[in-house]
Each structure stands twice: as C-alpha cells, then as structure tokens.
Amino acid sequence: MPIDLVSEPLNTRVAKEIRAEMARQGVTQTALAEVLGRNQAYVSERLTFKTPLTLEVVEEIADVLQVRVERLFPFDDRAPRRRRAS
C-alpha cells in the first residue's frame, strides 16, 4: 500500500515506515519493546498514532532495527513541500 505523502502528517508516515521495516525484518512490537526497555503498550501507542513519536524514539528504533534513521522518514521528491511562514 503506497504511503500518501501529501495528506498524512509526518509522524503518521514515520510510524507506518517503522511498522513496514519491522515487518520486513520480522520484528514484533513485543520484541522491539523488550530491546528498548519499554513495554509493548509504549511501542503500540507510538506506532498506532495515539502518542506522537519523538526524534529520540525514532533514533532508538532505528538503532534496534539497524537502519539509518533517514530510512524511516519517507520522502518523495514529487510531493509538494510546505513553505515556512516568514
């Protein structure tokens, strides 16, 4: 299922990419939580958009999954970029 890079918030897209990487590697939320020193509910809340992901948590997850953190940020050069307010 392609990720909608225009209408979904970045936090949602990152959580989806983390779940996709976990699936590719066969890593469960329980296993991820154990390595992070957290409980499964902690991981679930962040990967189901109930609690926002922080950059620190994304970095920790990238370390556990042994991927570069950039890989968990799905970008598409075709997607329009938001302009910052001046």
Protein backbone atom coordinates (compact mmCIF):
# COMPACT_ATOMS: atom_id res chain seq x y z
CA MET A 1 0.00 0.00 0.00
CA PRO A 2 1.61 3.30 -1.06
CA ILE A 3 2.03 5.98 1.57
CA ASP A 4 0.15 9.22 0.89
CA LEU A 5 2.97 11.75 1.16
CA VAL A 6 0.77 14.80 0.82
CA SER A 7 -2.13 14.47 3.22
CA GLU A 8 -0.71 12.37 6.08
CA PRO A 9 1.21 14.04 8.90
CA LEU A 10 4.92 13.22 9.04
CA ASN A 11 4.51 11.45 12.39
CA THR A 12 1.97 9.07 10.84
CA ARG A 13 4.17 8.38 7.81
CA VAL A 14 7.19 7.66 10.01
CA ALA A 15 5.19 5.28 12.20
CA LYS A 16 3.97 3.46 9.09
CA GLU A 17 7.52 3.20 7.76
CA ILE A 18 8.72 1.82 11.11
CA ARG A 19 5.96 -0.81 11.02
CA ALA A 20 6.89 -1.68 7.42
CA GLU A 21 10.57 -2.08 8.36
CA MET A 22 9.61 -4.20 11.36
CA ALA A 23 7.54 -6.43 9.08
CA ARG A 24 10.41 -6.76 6.59
CA GLN A 25 12.69 -7.86 9.42
CA GLY A 26 10.13 -9.99 11.25
CA VAL A 27 10.36 -7.86 14.41
CA THR A 28 7.29 -7.78 16.65
CA GLN A 29 6.21 -4.86 18.82
CA THR A 30 6.91 -7.02 21.87
CA ALA A 31 10.46 -7.77 20.72
CA LEU A 32 11.10 -4.11 19.89
CA ALA A 33 9.74 -3.03 23.27
CA GLU A 34 11.96 -5.51 25.08
CA VAL A 35 15.12 -4.22 23.40
CA LEU A 36 14.05 -0.62 24.05
CA GLY A 37 13.45 -1.42 27.72
CA ARG A 38 9.78 -0.46 27.39
CA ASN A 39 6.52 -2.36 27.43
CA GLN A 40 4.55 -3.37 24.35
CA ALA A 41 1.85 -0.75 25.06
CA TYR A 42 4.51 2.01 24.83
CA VAL A 43 5.51 0.84 21.35
CA SER A 44 1.93 0.25 20.23
CA GLU A 45 0.78 3.74 21.24
CA ARG A 46 3.51 5.30 19.12
CA LEU A 47 3.05 3.06 16.10
CA THR A 48 -0.73 3.49 16.05
CA PHE A 49 -0.61 7.29 16.26
CA LYS A 50 -2.04 7.53 19.82
CA THR A 51 1.17 9.13 21.14
CA PRO A 52 3.44 11.17 18.89
CA LEU A 53 6.88 9.80 18.10
CA THR A 54 9.82 11.89 19.21
CA LEU A 55 13.06 12.10 17.28
CA GLU A 56 14.79 10.38 20.19
CA VAL A 57 12.43 7.40 20.00
CA VAL A 58 12.82 7.20 16.21
CA GLU A 59 16.60 7.17 16.65
CA GLU A 60 16.34 4.40 19.27
CA ILE A 61 14.11 2.33 16.97
CA ALA A 62 16.46 2.88 14.02
CA ASP A 63 19.33 1.62 16.17
CA VAL A 64 17.40 -1.50 17.17
CA LEU A 65 16.38 -2.17 13.56
CA GLN A 66 19.94 -1.42 12.43
CA VAL A 67 18.85 1.06 9.76
CA ARG A 68 19.79 4.66 9.18
CA VAL A 69 17.26 6.97 10.77
CA GLU A 70 16.72 8.62 7.37
CA ARG A 71 15.27 5.36 6.08
CA LEU A 72 12.35 5.77 8.49
CA PHE A 73 11.43 9.18 7.05
CA PRO A 74 9.56 8.52 3.79
CA PHE A 75 10.07 11.39 1.40
CA ASP A 76 9.05 11.71 -2.20
CA ASP A 77 10.59 14.44 -4.31
CA ARG A 78 7.34 14.67 -6.24
CA ALA A 79 5.36 15.69 -3.14
CA PRO A 80 4.83 19.43 -2.74
CA ARG A 81 6.87 20.97 0.05
CA ARG A 82 5.25 23.20 2.62
CA ARG A 83 6.66 26.68 2.80
CA ARG A 84 7.67 28.02 6.15
CA ALA A 85 5.91 31.11 7.37
CA SER A 86 8.10 34.21 7.25
